[in-house]
Amino acid sequence: MDTTDAHTSADLTPAPRARQTLAGLIDAAVMALPTAIYGLRAWRARGTGRPAARPPGWMSMLAPACALVGEQVGTPGSWIMGVRTVDERTGRRLALWRTLTVALVQVVTRLLGRRLAPRPEIRPEAERRQRWSEIQAIKERYADDEDALSAELMRHQAEHRGDVSVNIWPPVVVGLGATLVNRAVRRRLAPTLVVSRRPAE
């Protein structure tokens, strides 16, 4: 880093925390729209016999894409709240190749995470209804005997525990590793700072 960059970095003042938070909330609301739409479709499909709508694969790449666009031209939240993201070493817009490299690393870590820690399969709706019916039948059968009811419910839960148990450690370890890699690349290659947008910008 030359003396000019060092001087520029020292002169940078972060935007007020409240404006940064509001900008983030606006962007989060915008990014949540596709998820909300597909969630609404899935809710409407319940009980109709139709398969629930599944979010397309491109939605998993939405966050890196929005981060790339936000660092180069801004996001809805940043424009509304009057803030912008700059290279903290120079005070200028982050070089495009740096943003692309960080986004590429994020995509690669997401894909590796899916390969190393696949999501558990969700039980079919028919199977969940069957388990619920069995529990209701047990409650009706032992309605007058609380001790027997508790014992039977515990037996039923132990019998079907394997249906719902999930090993959470692989996703946790993979997610932690991806986070550390992404932060290291960001810190080394593209450190950024959110500052107030000047009127002429």
Protein backbone atom coordinates (compact mmCIF):
# COMPACT_ATOMS: atom_id res chain seq x y z
CA MET A 1 0.00 0.00 0.00
CA ASP A 2 1.47 3.37 -1.00
CA THR A 3 1.28 6.56 1.07
CA THR A 4 -1.62 7.90 -0.98
CA ASP A 5 -3.75 4.84 -0.30
CA ALA A 6 -2.82 4.92 3.37
CA HIS A 7 -3.80 8.56 3.65
CA THR A 8 -7.09 7.96 1.82
CA SER A 9 -7.94 5.01 4.04
CA ALA A 10 -7.26 7.03 7.17
CA ASP A 11 -9.58 9.80 5.99
CA LEU A 12 -12.54 7.49 5.35
CA THR A 13 -15.46 7.78 7.77
CA PRO A 14 -17.98 4.94 7.98
CA ALA A 15 -21.61 5.80 7.35
CA PRO A 16 -23.83 6.00 10.46
CA ARG A 17 -24.68 2.57 11.81
CA ALA A 18 -28.41 3.25 11.66
CA ARG A 19 -28.28 4.01 7.93
CA GLN A 20 -26.21 0.90 7.26
CA THR A 21 -28.70 -1.21 9.21
CA LEU A 22 -31.70 0.23 7.40
CA ALA A 23 -30.01 -0.29 4.03
CA GLY A 24 -29.34 -3.92 4.94
CA LEU A 25 -32.94 -4.45 6.02
CA ILE A 26 -34.24 -3.03 2.73
CA ASP A 27 -31.93 -5.28 0.72
CA ALA A 28 -32.92 -8.30 2.83
CA ALA A 29 -36.59 -7.59 2.15
CA VAL A 30 -35.93 -7.37 -1.59
CA MET A 31 -33.95 -10.62 -1.60
CA ALA A 32 -36.64 -12.37 0.46
CA LEU A 33 -39.33 -11.75 -2.16
CA PRO A 34 -38.54 -14.83 -4.32
CA THR A 35 -38.44 -17.06 -1.23
CA ALA A 36 -41.75 -15.63 0.00
CA ILE A 37 -43.37 -16.24 -3.39
CA TYR A 38 -42.30 -19.88 -3.53
CA GLY A 39 -43.26 -20.36 0.10
CA LEU A 40 -46.73 -19.04 -0.65
CA ARG A 41 -47.05 -21.43 -3.59
CA ALA A 42 -45.98 -24.35 -1.39
CA TRP A 43 -48.53 -23.37 1.26
CA ARG A 44 -51.31 -23.18 -1.31
CA ALA A 45 -50.34 -26.60 -2.67
CA ARG A 46 -50.91 -28.25 0.72
CA GLY A 47 -53.91 -30.52 0.73
CA THR A 48 -54.50 -30.20 -3.02
CA GLY A 49 -52.57 -33.30 -4.02
CA ARG A 50 -50.21 -31.27 -6.16
CA PRO A 51 -46.46 -31.33 -5.49
CA ALA A 52 -45.20 -28.31 -3.58
CA ALA A 53 -43.28 -25.77 -5.62
CA ARG A 54 -39.56 -26.01 -5.01
CA PRO A 55 -37.29 -22.98 -5.25
CA PRO A 56 -35.05 -23.16 -8.36
CA GLY A 57 -31.33 -23.68 -8.02
CA TRP A 58 -30.48 -20.13 -9.05
CA MET A 59 -31.91 -18.80 -5.80
CA SER A 60 -28.90 -20.16 -3.92
CA MET A 61 -26.69 -17.88 -6.01
CA LEU A 62 -28.78 -14.80 -5.30
CA ALA A 63 -26.69 -13.59 -2.36
CA PRO A 64 -23.30 -13.62 -4.20
CA ALA A 65 -24.90 -11.96 -7.23
CA CYS A 66 -26.44 -9.20 -5.12
CA ALA A 67 -23.14 -8.66 -3.31
CA LEU A 68 -21.35 -8.32 -6.64
CA VAL A 69 -23.87 -5.80 -7.97
CA GLY A 70 -23.95 -3.92 -4.67
CA GLU A 71 -20.19 -3.39 -4.57
CA GLN A 72 -20.10 -2.11 -8.14
CA VAL A 73 -23.28 -0.07 -8.67
CA GLY A 74 -25.12 -0.21 -5.34
CA THR A 75 -28.27 -1.90 -4.04
CA PRO A 76 -31.80 -0.58 -3.50
CA GLY A 77 -31.08 -0.17 0.20
CA SER A 78 -27.80 1.67 -0.35
CA TRP A 79 -29.35 4.10 -2.84
CA ILE A 80 -32.38 4.79 -0.65
CA MET A 81 -30.27 5.35 2.48
CA GLY A 82 -27.51 7.27 0.68
CA VAL A 83 -24.58 4.94 1.37
CA ARG A 84 -22.07 3.14 -0.82
CA THR A 85 -19.46 0.40 -0.50
CA VAL A 86 -15.84 1.33 -1.27
CA ASP A 87 -12.39 -0.20 -1.05
CA GLU A 88 -11.26 0.74 2.45
CA ARG A 89 -7.66 1.07 1.26
CA THR A 90 -8.35 3.59 -1.50
CA GLY A 91 -11.79 5.05 -0.84
CA ARG A 92 -12.80 4.25 -4.42
CA ARG A 93 -15.02 1.63 -5.97
CA LEU A 94 -13.65 -1.87 -5.53
CA ALA A 95 -11.90 -3.21 -8.61
CA LEU A 96 -14.22 -5.43 -10.63
CA TRP A 97 -11.82 -8.36 -10.71
CA ARG A 98 -11.62 -8.34 -6.90
CA THR A 99 -15.41 -8.40 -6.55
CA LEU A 100 -15.67 -11.20 -9.14
CA THR A 101 -13.01 -13.26 -7.34
CA VAL A 102 -14.77 -12.94 -3.98
CA ALA A 103 -18.13 -13.86 -5.56
CA LEU A 104 -16.57 -16.86 -7.32
CA VAL A 105 -15.11 -18.13 -4.04
CA GLN A 106 -18.52 -17.80 -2.40
CA VAL A 107 -20.19 -19.79 -5.19
CA VAL A 108 -17.52 -22.51 -5.04
CA THR A 109 -17.81 -22.87 -1.26
CA ARG A 110 -21.61 -23.12 -1.55
CA LEU A 111 -21.36 -25.85 -4.17
CA LEU A 112 -18.76 -27.74 -2.13
CA GLY A 113 -20.96 -27.38 0.94
CA ARG A 114 -23.85 -29.02 -0.88
CA ARG A 115 -21.64 -31.88 -2.00
CA LEU A 116 -20.06 -32.49 1.40
CA ALA A 117 -23.14 -31.92 3.55
CA PRO A 118 -26.31 -32.61 1.55
CA ARG A 119 -29.59 -31.58 3.07
CA PRO A 120 -31.62 -34.34 4.77
CA GLU A 121 -34.63 -35.56 2.89
CA ILE A 122 -37.95 -34.28 4.17
CA ARG A 123 -40.49 -36.92 5.04
CA PRO A 124 -43.44 -37.12 2.65
CA GLU A 125 -46.68 -35.48 3.69
CA ALA A 126 -48.46 -38.87 3.75
CA GLU A 127 -45.91 -40.25 6.20
CA ARG A 128 -46.24 -37.25 8.51
CA ARG A 129 -50.02 -37.62 8.49
CA GLN A 130 -49.68 -41.31 9.34
CA ARG A 131 -47.47 -40.53 12.33
CA TRP A 132 -49.96 -37.90 13.50
CA SER A 133 -52.84 -40.37 13.16
CA GLU A 134 -50.93 -42.94 15.19
CA ILE A 135 -50.31 -40.44 17.97
CA GLN A 136 -53.96 -39.41 18.02
CA ALA A 137 -55.00 -43.07 18.19
CA ILE A 138 -52.68 -43.65 21.14
CA LYS A 139 -54.13 -40.64 22.98
CA GLU A 140 -57.67 -41.92 22.44
CA ARG A 141 -56.77 -45.47 23.49
CA TYR A 142 -55.15 -44.40 26.76
CA ALA A 143 -57.25 -41.33 27.50
CA ASP A 144 -58.07 -42.61 31.01
CA ASP A 145 -54.56 -43.78 31.95
CA GLU A 146 -51.93 -41.03 31.96
CA ASP A 147 -49.08 -43.34 32.94
CA ALA A 148 -49.83 -45.77 30.14
CA LEU A 149 -50.29 -42.87 27.72
CA SER A 150 -46.89 -41.40 28.57
CA ALA A 151 -45.19 -44.78 28.26
CA GLU A 152 -46.83 -45.52 24.91
CA LEU A 153 -45.97 -42.09 23.50
CA MET A 154 -42.35 -42.52 24.59
CA ARG A 155 -42.27 -45.96 22.97
CA HIS A 156 -43.73 -44.57 19.75
CA GLN A 157 -41.23 -41.71 19.73
CA ALA A 158 -38.30 -44.07 20.31
CA GLU A 159 -39.54 -46.37 17.56
CA HIS A 160 -39.67 -43.60 14.97
CA ARG A 161 -36.77 -41.50 16.20
CA GLY A 162 -34.64 -42.62 13.30
CA ASP A 163 -37.11 -41.05 10.89
CA VAL A 164 -36.41 -37.53 12.09
CA SER A 165 -32.94 -37.61 13.62
CA VAL A 166 -30.37 -35.68 11.63
CA ASN A 167 -26.62 -35.45 12.11
CA ILE A 168 -26.08 -31.71 12.36
CA TRP A 169 -22.29 -31.80 12.60
CA PRO A 170 -21.39 -32.16 8.89
CA PRO A 171 -23.42 -29.07 7.86
CA VAL A 172 -22.06 -27.11 10.83
CA VAL A 173 -18.43 -28.00 10.10
CA VAL A 174 -18.78 -27.35 6.37
CA GLY A 175 -20.61 -24.08 6.96
CA LEU A 176 -17.97 -22.89 9.43
CA GLY A 177 -15.17 -23.79 7.04
CA ALA A 178 -16.87 -21.95 4.17
CA THR A 179 -17.37 -18.87 6.35
CA LEU A 180 -13.70 -18.81 7.39
CA VAL A 181 -12.52 -19.19 3.79
CA ASN A 182 -14.82 -16.44 2.54
CA ARG A 183 -13.76 -14.07 5.31
CA ALA A 184 -10.07 -14.75 4.69
CA VAL A 185 -10.42 -14.06 0.97
CA ARG A 186 -12.45 -10.93 1.64
CA ARG A 187 -9.98 -9.60 4.23
CA ARG A 188 -6.96 -10.33 2.06
CA LEU A 189 -8.25 -9.38 -1.37
CA ALA A 190 -11.20 -7.02 -1.07
CA PRO A 191 -11.68 -5.26 2.28
CA THR A 192 -14.58 -2.85 2.03
CA LEU A 193 -16.14 -0.03 4.01
CA VAL A 194 -19.64 1.46 3.86
CA VAL A 195 -19.50 5.26 3.66
CA SER A 196 -22.02 8.02 3.03
CA ARG A 197 -22.72 8.75 -0.61
CA ARG A 198 -21.77 12.26 -1.67
CA PRO A 199 -24.45 14.31 -3.50
CA ALA A 200 -22.55 14.26 -6.81
CA GLU A 201 -22.26 10.46 -6.84
